[in-house]
Amino acid sequence: MSTTTRRLTAGIAALPFIAISVLGAGAVANATSPVDGDHKVPYCHATHSDKNPFVFIETAKIAVVKAHAKHQDEEDVYPGFWYDDHGTATWFEGRGDPEFAENGCTGERPPS
């Protein structure tokens, strides 16, 4: 095997490790800092199912801000919370009855 071929093979073999390093560093840079000591928020995710209308889940606060608050016809129930918006502590208004979420999304279904 020639020197050029060995170098080319070694370079190609290193590409996945370089990609993981770059992508891993980007994930950390995009993570939010905990304003109130916690990255995640528990809430009730609407399913549109008559049998099981809500599922209790916990996700990153930024996921609620960017996605969950706007889908499922805006029926998700979550408490208000603080999150880091590019270095600025920002309040995100809750929706629905916070006690419903605190009770694990069980009991009487809150009004839409």
Foldseek 3Di string as FASTA:
>chain_A
DDPVVVVVVVVVVCVVVVVCVVVVVVVVVPQWDAPPPDQKFWWWQADPDPVDGTAIDMDGPVCCVPPRCPDPVNQIFGQWDWTQDPNDTDIDHTDWDHVCRVVRVDDDRTDD
